Amino acid sequence: PCTLIHPSYYYTDEERKEFQKLKS
């Protein structure tokens, strides 16, 4: 949790799609 790493390094395509689906 204390590591400063850009989210693109650990979110999967499936997670991004899920977020886009629910965001609205």
mmCIF file of all heavy atoms, coordinates in Angstrom:
data_MODEL
# 
_entry.id   MODEL 
# 
loop_
_atom_site.group_PDB 
_atom_site.id 
_atom_site.type_symbol 
_atom_site.label_atom_id 
_atom_site.label_alt_id 
_atom_site.label_comp_id 
_atom_site.label_asym_id 
_atom_site.label_entity_id 
_atom_site.label_seq_id 
_atom_site.pdbx_PDB_ins_code 
_atom_site.Cartn_x 
_atom_site.Cartn_y 
_atom_site.Cartn_z 
_atom_site.occupancy 
_atom_site.B_iso_or_equiv 
_atom_site.pdbx_formal_charge 
_atom_site.auth_seq_id 
_atom_site.auth_comp_id 
_atom_site.auth_asym_id 
_atom_site.auth_atom_id 
_atom_site.pdbx_PDB_model_num 
ATOM 1   N N   . PRO A 1 1  ? 0.786   -1.233  0.000   1.00 0.00 ? 1  PRO A N   1 
ATOM 2   C CA  . PRO A 1 1  ? 0.000   0.000   0.000   1.00 0.00 ? 1  PRO A CA  1 
ATOM 3   C C   . PRO A 1 1  ? 0.819   1.285   0.000   1.00 0.00 ? 1  PRO A C   1 
ATOM 4   O O   . PRO A 1 1  ? 0.362   2.305   -0.497  1.00 0.00 ? 1  PRO A O   1 
ATOM 5   C CB  . PRO A 1 1  ? -0.821  -0.129  1.291   1.00 0.00 ? 1  PRO A CB  1 
ATOM 6   C CG  . PRO A 1 1  ? -0.963  -1.596  1.480   1.00 0.00 ? 1  PRO A CG  1 
ATOM 7   C CD  . PRO A 1 1  ? 0.326   -2.195  1.011   1.00 0.00 ? 1  PRO A CD  1 
ATOM 8   N N   . CYS A 1 2  ? 2.035   1.248   0.532   1.00 0.00 ? 2  CYS A N   1 
ATOM 9   C CA  . CYS A 1 2  ? 2.856   2.458   0.597   1.00 0.00 ? 2  CYS A CA  1 
ATOM 10  C C   . CYS A 1 2  ? 3.665   2.691   -0.685  1.00 0.00 ? 2  CYS A C   1 
ATOM 11  O O   . CYS A 1 2  ? 4.348   3.706   -0.825  1.00 0.00 ? 2  CYS A O   1 
ATOM 12  C CB  . CYS A 1 2  ? 3.807   2.395   1.786   1.00 0.00 ? 2  CYS A CB  1 
ATOM 13  S SG  . CYS A 1 2  ? 4.948   1.000   1.723   1.00 0.00 ? 2  CYS A SG  1 
ATOM 14  N N   . THR A 1 3  ? 3.607   1.741   -1.626  1.00 0.00 ? 3  THR A N   1 
ATOM 15  C CA  . THR A 1 3  ? 4.408   1.839   -2.842  1.00 0.00 ? 3  THR A CA  1 
ATOM 16  C C   . THR A 1 3  ? 3.772   2.796   -3.843  1.00 0.00 ? 3  THR A C   1 
ATOM 17  O O   . THR A 1 3  ? 2.589   2.695   -4.149  1.00 0.00 ? 3  THR A O   1 
ATOM 18  C CB  . THR A 1 3  ? 4.560   0.454   -3.504  1.00 0.00 ? 3  THR A CB  1 
ATOM 19  O OG1 . THR A 1 3  ? 5.108   -0.457  -2.559  1.00 0.00 ? 3  THR A OG1 1 
ATOM 20  C CG2 . THR A 1 3  ? 5.487   0.533   -4.702  1.00 0.00 ? 3  THR A CG2 1 
ATOM 21  N N   . LEU A 1 4  ? 4.567   3.733   -4.344  1.00 0.00 ? 4  LEU A N   1 
ATOM 22  C CA  . LEU A 1 4  ? 4.061   4.688   -5.326  1.00 0.00 ? 4  LEU A CA  1 
ATOM 23  C C   . LEU A 1 4  ? 4.315   4.156   -6.729  1.00 0.00 ? 4  LEU A C   1 
ATOM 24  O O   . LEU A 1 4  ? 5.393   4.321   -7.296  1.00 0.00 ? 4  LEU A O   1 
ATOM 25  C CB  . LEU A 1 4  ? 4.736   6.055   -5.131  1.00 0.00 ? 4  LEU A CB  1 
ATOM 26  C CG  . LEU A 1 4  ? 4.466   6.737   -3.790  1.00 0.00 ? 4  LEU A CG  1 
ATOM 27  C CD1 . LEU A 1 4  ? 5.255   8.047   -3.702  1.00 0.00 ? 4  LEU A CD1 1 
ATOM 28  C CD2 . LEU A 1 4  ? 2.982   7.019   -3.619  1.00 0.00 ? 4  LEU A CD2 1 
ATOM 29  N N   . ILE A 1 5  ? 3.330   3.490   -7.287  1.00 0.00 ? 5  ILE A N   1 
ATOM 30  C CA  . ILE A 1 5  ? 3.417   2.924   -8.627  1.00 0.00 ? 5  ILE A CA  1 
ATOM 31  C C   . ILE A 1 5  ? 2.165   3.327   -9.393  1.00 0.00 ? 5  ILE A C   1 
ATOM 32  O O   . ILE A 1 5  ? 1.052   3.285   -8.858  1.00 0.00 ? 5  ILE A O   1 
ATOM 33  C CB  . ILE A 1 5  ? 3.529   1.386   -8.580  1.00 0.00 ? 5  ILE A CB  1 
ATOM 34  C CG1 . ILE A 1 5  ? 4.806   0.980   -7.836  1.00 0.00 ? 5  ILE A CG1 1 
ATOM 35  C CG2 . ILE A 1 5  ? 3.524   0.791   -9.975  1.00 0.00 ? 5  ILE A CG2 1 
ATOM 36  C CD1 . ILE A 1 5  ? 4.966   -0.505  -7.683  1.00 0.00 ? 5  ILE A CD1 1 
ATOM 37  N N   . HIS A 1 6  ? 2.319   3.717   -10.625 1.00 0.00 ? 6  HIS A N   1 
ATOM 38  C CA  . HIS A 1 6  ? 1.159   4.141   -11.407 1.00 0.00 ? 6  HIS A CA  1 
ATOM 39  C C   . HIS A 1 6  ? 0.192   2.977   -11.585 1.00 0.00 ? 6  HIS A C   1 
ATOM 40  O O   . HIS A 1 6  ? 0.614   1.833   -11.825 1.00 0.00 ? 6  HIS A O   1 
ATOM 41  C CB  . HIS A 1 6  ? 1.610   4.652   -12.779 1.00 0.00 ? 6  HIS A CB  1 
ATOM 42  C CG  . HIS A 1 6  ? 0.533   5.363   -13.518 1.00 0.00 ? 6  HIS A CG  1 
ATOM 43  N ND1 . HIS A 1 6  ? -0.393  4.693   -14.291 1.00 0.00 ? 6  HIS A ND1 1 
ATOM 44  C CD2 . HIS A 1 6  ? 0.209   6.673   -13.582 1.00 0.00 ? 6  HIS A CD2 1 
ATOM 45  C CE1 . HIS A 1 6  ? -1.238  5.562   -14.802 1.00 0.00 ? 6  HIS A CE1 1 
ATOM 46  N NE2 . HIS A 1 6  ? -0.896  6.773   -14.400 1.00 0.00 ? 6  HIS A NE2 1 
ATOM 47  N N   . PRO A 1 7  ? -1.107  3.234   -11.441 1.00 0.00 ? 7  PRO A N   1 
ATOM 48  C CA  . PRO A 1 7  ? -2.101  2.157   -11.517 1.00 0.00 ? 7  PRO A CA  1 
ATOM 49  C C   . PRO A 1 7  ? -2.024  1.309   -12.774 1.00 0.00 ? 7  PRO A C   1 
ATOM 50  O O   . PRO A 1 7  ? -2.416  0.143   -12.755 1.00 0.00 ? 7  PRO A O   1 
ATOM 51  C CB  . PRO A 1 7  ? -3.432  2.917   -11.458 1.00 0.00 ? 7  PRO A CB  1 
ATOM 52  C CG  . PRO A 1 7  ? -3.103  4.179   -10.747 1.00 0.00 ? 7  PRO A CG  1 
ATOM 53  C CD  . PRO A 1 7  ? -1.702  4.527   -11.157 1.00 0.00 ? 7  PRO A CD  1 
ATOM 54  N N   . SER A 1 8  ? -1.539  1.877   -13.885 1.00 0.00 ? 8  SER A N   1 
ATOM 55  C CA  . SER A 1 8  ? -1.502  1.103   -15.133 1.00 0.00 ? 8  SER A CA  1 
ATOM 56  C C   . SER A 1 8  ? -0.643  -0.140  -15.013 1.00 0.00 ? 8  SER A C   1 
ATOM 57  O O   . SER A 1 8  ? -0.770  -1.065  -15.810 1.00 0.00 ? 8  SER A O   1 
ATOM 58  C CB  . SER A 1 8  ? -0.985  1.986   -16.279 1.00 0.00 ? 8  SER A CB  1 
ATOM 59  O OG  . SER A 1 8  ? 0.351   2.405   -16.045 1.00 0.00 ? 8  SER A OG  1 
ATOM 60  N N   . TYR A 1 9  ? 0.232   -0.200  -14.000 1.00 0.00 ? 9  TYR A N   1 
ATOM 61  C CA  . TYR A 1 9  ? 1.105   -1.360  -13.852 1.00 0.00 ? 9  TYR A CA  1 
ATOM 62  C C   . TYR A 1 9  ? 0.408   -2.548  -13.210 1.00 0.00 ? 9  TYR A C   1 
ATOM 63  O O   . TYR A 1 9  ? 0.892   -3.664  -13.324 1.00 0.00 ? 9  TYR A O   1 
ATOM 64  C CB  . TYR A 1 9  ? 2.335   -0.997  -13.018 1.00 0.00 ? 9  TYR A CB  1 
ATOM 65  C CG  . TYR A 1 9  ? 3.309   -0.116  -13.750 1.00 0.00 ? 9  TYR A CG  1 
ATOM 66  C CD1 . TYR A 1 9  ? 3.402   1.248   -13.466 1.00 0.00 ? 9  TYR A CD1 1 
ATOM 67  C CD2 . TYR A 1 9  ? 4.151   -0.620  -14.741 1.00 0.00 ? 9  TYR A CD2 1 
ATOM 68  C CE1 . TYR A 1 9  ? 4.301   2.072   -14.135 1.00 0.00 ? 9  TYR A CE1 1 
ATOM 69  C CE2 . TYR A 1 9  ? 5.050   0.193   -15.431 1.00 0.00 ? 9  TYR A CE2 1 
ATOM 70  C CZ  . TYR A 1 9  ? 5.111   1.532   -15.121 1.00 0.00 ? 9  TYR A CZ  1 
ATOM 71  O OH  . TYR A 1 9  ? 5.991   2.353   -15.788 1.00 0.00 ? 9  TYR A OH  1 
ATOM 72  N N   . TYR A 1 10 ? -0.732  -2.312  -12.534 1.00 0.00 ? 10 TYR A N   1 
ATOM 73  C CA  . TYR A 1 10 ? -1.324  -3.464  -11.862 1.00 0.00 ? 10 TYR A CA  1 
ATOM 74  C C   . TYR A 1 10 ? -2.791  -3.717  -12.171 1.00 0.00 ? 10 TYR A C   1 
ATOM 75  O O   . TYR A 1 10 ? -3.306  -4.775  -11.847 1.00 0.00 ? 10 TYR A O   1 
ATOM 76  C CB  . TYR A 1 10 ? -1.115  -3.395  -10.346 1.00 0.00 ? 10 TYR A CB  1 
ATOM 77  C CG  . TYR A 1 10 ? -1.454  -2.092  -9.674  1.00 0.00 ? 10 TYR A CG  1 
ATOM 78  C CD1 . TYR A 1 10 ? -2.757  -1.671  -9.505  1.00 0.00 ? 10 TYR A CD1 1 
ATOM 79  C CD2 . TYR A 1 10 ? -0.434  -1.289  -9.177  1.00 0.00 ? 10 TYR A CD2 1 
ATOM 80  C CE1 . TYR A 1 10 ? -3.046  -0.481  -8.864  1.00 0.00 ? 10 TYR A CE1 1 
ATOM 81  C CE2 . TYR A 1 10 ? -0.719  -0.094  -8.552  1.00 0.00 ? 10 TYR A CE2 1 
ATOM 82  C CZ  . TYR A 1 10 ? -2.020  0.305   -8.390  1.00 0.00 ? 10 TYR A CZ  1 
ATOM 83  O OH  . TYR A 1 10 ? -2.299  1.488   -7.753  1.00 0.00 ? 10 TYR A OH  1 
ATOM 84  N N   . TYR A 1 11 ? -3.509  -2.795  -12.785 1.00 0.00 ? 11 TYR A N   1 
ATOM 85  C CA  . TYR A 1 11 ? -4.886  -3.073  -13.162 1.00 0.00 ? 11 TYR A CA  1 
ATOM 86  C C   . TYR A 1 11 ? -4.929  -3.858  -14.474 1.00 0.00 ? 11 TYR A C   1 
ATOM 87  O O   . TYR A 1 11 ? -4.241  -3.528  -15.425 1.00 0.00 ? 11 TYR A O   1 
ATOM 88  C CB  . TYR A 1 11 ? -5.689  -1.785  -13.314 1.00 0.00 ? 11 TYR A CB  1 
ATOM 89  C CG  . TYR A 1 11 ? -5.901  -1.051  -12.014 1.00 0.00 ? 11 TYR A CG  1 
ATOM 90  C CD1 . TYR A 1 11 ? -5.799  0.336   -11.943 1.00 0.00 ? 11 TYR A CD1 1 
ATOM 91  C CD2 . TYR A 1 11 ? -6.203  -1.744  -10.842 1.00 0.00 ? 11 TYR A CD2 1 
ATOM 92  C CE1 . TYR A 1 11 ? -5.996  1.006   -10.748 1.00 0.00 ? 11 TYR A CE1 1 
ATOM 93  C CE2 . TYR A 1 11 ? -6.384  -1.085  -9.652  1.00 0.00 ? 11 TYR A CE2 1 
ATOM 94  C CZ  . TYR A 1 11 ? -6.294  0.289   -9.598  1.00 0.00 ? 11 TYR A CZ  1 
ATOM 95  O OH  . TYR A 1 11 ? -6.480  0.947   -8.422  1.00 0.00 ? 11 TYR A OH  1 
ATOM 96  N N   . THR A 1 12 ? -5.749  -4.895  -14.492 1.00 0.00 ? 12 THR A N   1 
ATOM 97  C CA  . THR A 1 12 ? -5.875  -5.718  -15.684 1.00 0.00 ? 12 THR A CA  1 
ATOM 98  C C   . THR A 1 12 ? -6.893  -5.101  -16.651 1.00 0.00 ? 12 THR A C   1 
ATOM 99  O O   . THR A 1 12 ? -7.695  -4.245  -16.275 1.00 0.00 ? 12 THR A O   1 
ATOM 100 C CB  . THR A 1 12 ? -6.339  -7.127  -15.308 1.00 0.00 ? 12 THR A CB  1 
ATOM 101 O OG1 . THR A 1 12 ? -7.675  -7.038  -14.761 1.00 0.00 ? 12 THR A OG1 1 
ATOM 102 C CG2 . THR A 1 12 ? -5.409  -7.753  -14.275 1.00 0.00 ? 12 THR A CG2 1 
ATOM 103 N N   . ASP A 1 13 ? -6.883  -5.584  -17.888 1.00 0.00 ? 13 ASP A N   1 
ATOM 104 C CA  . ASP A 1 13 ? -7.873  -5.121  -18.867 1.00 0.00 ? 13 ASP A CA  1 
ATOM 105 C C   . ASP A 1 13 ? -9.288  -5.423  -18.384 1.00 0.00 ? 13 ASP A C   1 
ATOM 106 O O   . ASP A 1 13 ? -10.214 -4.623  -18.583 1.00 0.00 ? 13 ASP A O   1 
ATOM 107 C CB  . ASP A 1 13 ? -7.626  -5.786  -20.222 1.00 0.00 ? 13 ASP A CB  1 
ATOM 108 C CG  . ASP A 1 13 ? -6.369  -5.275  -20.906 1.00 0.00 ? 13 ASP A CG  1 
ATOM 109 O OD1 . ASP A 1 13 ? -5.898  -4.182  -20.523 1.00 0.00 ? 13 ASP A OD1 1 
ATOM 110 O OD2 . ASP A 1 13 ? -5.874  -5.959  -21.820 1.00 0.00 ? 13 ASP A OD2 1 
ATOM 111 N N   . GLU A 1 14 ? -9.457  -6.565  -17.751 1.00 0.00 ? 14 GLU A N   1 
ATOM 112 C CA  . GLU A 1 14 ? -10.776 -6.949  -17.245 1.00 0.00 ? 14 GLU A CA  1 
ATOM 113 C C   . GLU A 1 14 ? -11.258 -5.953  -16.185 1.00 0.00 ? 14 GLU A C   1 
ATOM 114 O O   . GLU A 1 14 ? -12.429 -5.551  -16.191 1.00 0.00 ? 14 GLU A O   1 
ATOM 115 C CB  . GLU A 1 14 ? -10.716 -8.359  -16.640 1.00 0.00 ? 14 GLU A CB  1 
ATOM 116 C CG  . GLU A 1 14 ? -12.064 -8.837  -16.114 1.00 0.00 ? 14 GLU A CG  1 
ATOM 117 C CD  . GLU A 1 14 ? -11.966 -10.191 -15.443 1.00 0.00 ? 14 GLU A CD  1 
ATOM 118 O OE1 . GLU A 1 14 ? -10.833 -10.686 -15.248 1.00 0.00 ? 14 GLU A OE1 1 
ATOM 119 O OE2 . GLU A 1 14 ? -13.019 -10.749 -15.109 1.00 0.00 ? 14 GLU A OE2 1 
ATOM 120 N N   . GLU A 1 15 ? -10.353 -5.533  -15.313 1.00 0.00 ? 15 GLU A N   1 
ATOM 121 C CA  . GLU A 1 15 ? -10.733 -4.568  -14.284 1.00 0.00 ? 15 GLU A CA  1 
ATOM 122 C C   . GLU A 1 15 ? -11.091 -3.219  -14.890 1.00 0.00 ? 15 GLU A C   1 
ATOM 123 O O   . GLU A 1 15 ? -12.053 -2.560  -14.463 1.00 0.00 ? 15 GLU A O   1 
ATOM 124 C CB  . GLU A 1 15 ? -9.598  -4.409  -13.271 1.00 0.00 ? 15 GLU A CB  1 
ATOM 125 C CG  . GLU A 1 15 ? -9.432  -5.605  -12.360 1.00 0.00 ? 15 GLU A CG  1 
ATOM 126 C CD  . GLU A 1 15 ? -8.178  -5.504  -11.515 1.00 0.00 ? 15 GLU A CD  1 
ATOM 127 O OE1 . GLU A 1 15 ? -7.068  -5.416  -12.092 1.00 0.00 ? 15 GLU A OE1 1 
ATOM 128 O OE2 . GLU A 1 15 ? -8.298  -5.504  -10.281 1.00 0.00 ? 15 GLU A OE2 1 
ATOM 129 N N   . ARG A 1 16 ? -10.334 -2.796  -15.859 1.00 0.00 ? 16 ARG A N   1 
ATOM 130 C CA  . ARG A 1 16 ? -10.626 -1.506  -16.508 1.00 0.00 ? 16 ARG A CA  1 
ATOM 131 C C   . ARG A 1 16 ? -11.989 -1.556  -17.209 1.00 0.00 ? 16 ARG A C   1 
ATOM 132 O O   . ARG A 1 16 ? -12.761 -0.594  -17.155 1.00 0.00 ? 16 ARG A O   1 
ATOM 133 C CB  . ARG A 1 16 ? -9.526  -1.156  -17.510 1.00 0.00 ? 16 ARG A CB  1 
ATOM 134 C CG  . ARG A 1 16 ? -8.170  -0.869  -16.877 1.00 0.00 ? 16 ARG A CG  1 
ATOM 135 C CD  . ARG A 1 16 ? -7.212  -0.275  -17.909 1.00 0.00 ? 16 ARG A CD  1 
ATOM 136 N NE  . ARG A 1 16 ? -5.865  -0.198  -17.386 1.00 0.00 ? 16 ARG A NE  1 
ATOM 137 C CZ  . ARG A 1 16 ? -4.922  -1.114  -17.575 1.00 0.00 ? 16 ARG A CZ  1 
ATOM 138 N NH1 . ARG A 1 16 ? -5.191  -2.198  -18.297 1.00 0.00 ? 16 ARG A NH1 1 
ATOM 139 N NH2 . ARG A 1 16 ? -3.716  -0.974  -17.066 1.00 0.00 ? 16 ARG A NH2 1 
ATOM 140 N N   . LYS A 1 17 ? -12.271 -2.665  -17.882 1.00 0.00 ? 17 LYS A N   1 
ATOM 141 C CA  . LYS A 1 17 ? -13.563 -2.810  -18.559 1.00 0.00 ? 17 LYS A CA  1 
ATOM 142 C C   . LYS A 1 17 ? -14.708 -2.814  -17.549 1.00 0.00 ? 17 LYS A C   1 
ATOM 143 O O   . LYS A 1 17 ? -15.766 -2.223  -17.788 1.00 0.00 ? 17 LYS A O   1 
ATOM 144 C CB  . LYS A 1 17 ? -13.576 -4.103  -19.381 1.00 0.00 ? 17 LYS A CB  1 
ATOM 145 C CG  . LYS A 1 17 ? -12.686 -4.060  -20.619 1.00 0.00 ? 17 LYS A CG  1 
ATOM 146 C CD  . LYS A 1 17 ? -12.695 -5.404  -21.337 1.00 0.00 ? 17 LYS A CD  1 
ATOM 147 C CE  . LYS A 1 17 ? -11.771 -5.378  -22.553 1.00 0.00 ? 17 LYS A CE  1 
ATOM 148 N NZ  . LYS A 1 17 ? -11.709 -6.701  -23.220 1.00 0.00 ? 17 LYS A NZ  1 
ATOM 149 N N   . GLU A 1 18 ? -14.491 -3.479  -16.424 1.00 0.00 ? 18 GLU A N   1 
ATOM 150 C CA  . GLU A 1 18 ? -15.515 -3.519  -15.386 1.00 0.00 ? 18 GLU A CA  1 
ATOM 151 C C   . GLU A 1 18 ? -15.793 -2.116  -14.852 1.00 0.00 ? 18 GLU A C   1 
ATOM 152 O O   . GLU A 1 18 ? -16.943 -1.715  -14.660 1.00 0.00 ? 18 GLU A O   1 
ATOM 153 C CB  . GLU A 1 18 ? -15.074 -4.442  -14.240 1.00 0.00 ? 18 GLU A CB  1 
ATOM 154 C CG  . GLU A 1 18 ? -16.027 -4.515  -13.064 1.00 0.00 ? 18 GLU A CG  1 
ATOM 155 C CD  . GLU A 1 18 ? -17.263 -5.350  -13.352 1.00 0.00 ? 18 GLU A CD  1 
ATOM 156 O OE1 . GLU A 1 18 ? -17.364 -5.935  -14.441 1.00 0.00 ? 18 GLU A OE1 1 
ATOM 157 O OE2 . GLU A 1 18 ? -18.132 -5.403  -12.467 1.00 0.00 ? 18 GLU A OE2 1 
ATOM 158 N N   . PHE A 1 19 ? -14.727 -1.359  -14.645 1.00 0.00 ? 19 PHE A N   1 
ATOM 159 C CA  . PHE A 1 19 ? -14.897 0.000   -14.138 1.00 0.00 ? 19 PHE A CA  1 
ATOM 160 C C   . PHE A 1 19 ? -15.625 0.881   -15.153 1.00 0.00 ? 19 PHE A C   1 
ATOM 161 O O   . PHE A 1 19 ? -16.509 1.664   -14.797 1.00 0.00 ? 19 PHE A O   1 
ATOM 162 C CB  . PHE A 1 19 ? -13.556 0.626   -13.775 1.00 0.00 ? 19 PHE A CB  1 
ATOM 163 C CG  . PHE A 1 19 ? -13.688 2.024   -13.217 1.00 0.00 ? 19 PHE A CG  1 
ATOM 164 C CD1 . PHE A 1 19 ? -14.173 2.222   -11.931 1.00 0.00 ? 19 PHE A CD1 1 
ATOM 165 C CD2 . PHE A 1 19 ? -13.366 3.128   -13.983 1.00 0.00 ? 19 PHE A CD2 1 
ATOM 166 C CE1 . PHE A 1 19 ? -14.320 3.500   -11.419 1.00 0.00 ? 19 PHE A CE1 1 
ATOM 167 C CE2 . PHE A 1 19 ? -13.509 4.411   -13.482 1.00 0.00 ? 19 PHE A CE2 1 
ATOM 168 C CZ  . PHE A 1 19 ? -13.987 4.600   -12.188 1.00 0.00 ? 19 PHE A CZ  1 
ATOM 169 N N   . GLN A 1 20 ? -15.263 0.756   -16.406 1.00 0.00 ? 20 GLN A N   1 
ATOM 170 C CA  . GLN A 1 20 ? -15.930 1.551   -17.445 1.00 0.00 ? 20 GLN A CA  1 
ATOM 171 C C   . GLN A 1 20 ? -17.418 1.202   -17.523 1.00 0.00 ? 20 GLN A C   1 
ATOM 172 O O   . GLN A 1 20 ? -18.260 2.071   -17.764 1.00 0.00 ? 20 GLN A O   1 
ATOM 173 C CB  . GLN A 1 20 ? -15.260 1.328   -18.801 1.00 0.00 ? 20 GLN A CB  1 
ATOM 174 C CG  . GLN A 1 20 ? -13.881 1.953   -18.928 1.00 0.00 ? 20 GLN A CG  1 
ATOM 175 C CD  . GLN A 1 20 ? -13.899 3.458   -18.691 1.00 0.00 ? 20 GLN A CD  1 
ATOM 176 O OE1 . GLN A 1 20 ? -14.782 4.172   -19.176 1.00 0.00 ? 20 GLN A OE1 1 
ATOM 177 N NE2 . GLN A 1 20 ? -12.930 3.951   -17.936 1.00 0.00 ? 20 GLN A NE2 1 
ATOM 178 N N   . LYS A 1 21 ? -17.723 -0.064  -17.288 1.00 0.00 ? 21 LYS A N   1 
ATOM 179 C CA  . LYS A 1 21 ? -19.116 -0.516  -17.336 1.00 0.00 ? 21 LYS A CA  1 
ATOM 180 C C   . LYS A 1 21 ? -19.937 0.086   -16.203 1.00 0.00 ? 21 LYS A C   1 
ATOM 181 O O   . LYS A 1 21 ? -21.095 0.453   -16.382 1.00 0.00 ? 21 LYS A O   1 
ATOM 182 C CB  . LYS A 1 21 ? -19.161 -2.047  -17.266 1.00 0.00 ? 21 LYS A CB  1 
ATOM 183 C CG  . LYS A 1 21 ? -20.553 -2.639  -17.395 1.00 0.00 ? 21 LYS A CG  1 
ATOM 184 C CD  . LYS A 1 21 ? -20.517 -4.148  -17.417 1.00 0.00 ? 21 LYS A CD  1 
ATOM 185 C CE  . LYS A 1 21 ? -20.169 -4.721  -16.057 1.00 0.00 ? 21 LYS A CE  1 
ATOM 186 N NZ  . LYS A 1 21 ? -20.299 -6.198  -16.023 1.00 0.00 ? 21 LYS A NZ  1 
ATOM 187 N N   . LEU A 1 22 ? -19.326 0.194   -15.021 1.00 0.00 ? 22 LEU A N   1 
ATOM 188 C CA  . LEU A 1 22 ? -20.082 0.649   -13.853 1.00 0.00 ? 22 LEU A CA  1 
ATOM 189 C C   . LEU A 1 22 ? -20.010 2.152   -13.619 1.00 0.00 ? 22 LEU A C   1 
ATOM 190 O O   . LEU A 1 22 ? -20.837 2.708   -12.890 1.00 0.00 ? 22 LEU A O   1 
ATOM 191 C CB  . LEU A 1 22 ? -19.601 -0.077  -12.596 1.00 0.00 ? 22 LEU A CB  1 
ATOM 192 C CG  . LEU A 1 22 ? -18.202 0.246   -12.036 1.00 0.00 ? 22 LEU A CG  1 
ATOM 193 C CD1 . LEU A 1 22 ? -18.220 1.460   -11.120 1.00 0.00 ? 22 LEU A CD1 1 
ATOM 194 C CD2 . LEU A 1 22 ? -17.672 -0.956  -11.257 1.00 0.00 ? 22 LEU A CD2 1 
ATOM 195 N N   . LYS A 1 23 ? -19.039 2.837   -14.222 1.00 0.00 ? 23 LYS A N   1 
ATOM 196 C CA  . LYS A 1 23 ? -18.748 4.231   -13.874 1.00 0.00 ? 23 LYS A CA  1 
ATOM 197 C C   . LYS A 1 23 ? -19.967 5.140   -13.990 1.00 0.00 ? 23 LYS A C   1 
ATOM 198 O O   . LYS A 1 23 ? -20.268 5.916   -13.084 1.00 0.00 ? 23 LYS A O   1 
ATOM 199 C CB  . LYS A 1 23 ? -17.602 4.751   -14.740 1.00 0.00 ? 23 LYS A CB  1 
ATOM 200 C CG  . LYS A 1 23 ? -17.161 6.159   -14.371 1.00 0.00 ? 23 LYS A CG  1 
ATOM 201 C CD  . LYS A 1 23 ? -15.831 6.516   -15.031 1.00 0.00 ? 23 LYS A CD  1 
ATOM 202 C CE  . LYS A 1 23 ? -15.894 6.512   -16.538 1.00 0.00 ? 23 LYS A CE  1 
ATOM 203 N NZ  . LYS A 1 23 ? -14.648 7.052   -17.160 1.00 0.00 ? 23 LYS A NZ  1 
ATOM 204 N N   . SER A 1 24 ? -20.658 5.055   -15.115 1.00 0.00 ? 24 SER A N   1 
ATOM 205 C CA  . SER A 1 24 ? -21.795 5.935   -15.335 1.00 0.00 ? 24 SER A CA  1 
ATOM 206 C C   . SER A 1 24 ? -22.906 5.671   -14.320 1.00 0.00 ? 24 SER A C   1 
ATOM 207 O O   . SER A 1 24 ? -23.464 6.601   -13.727 1.00 0.00 ? 24 SER A O   1 
ATOM 208 C CB  . SER A 1 24 ? -22.324 5.747   -16.761 1.00 0.00 ? 24 SER A CB  1 
ATOM 209 O OG  . SER A 1 24 ? -23.485 6.512   -16.972 1.00 0.00 ? 24 SER A OG  1 
# 
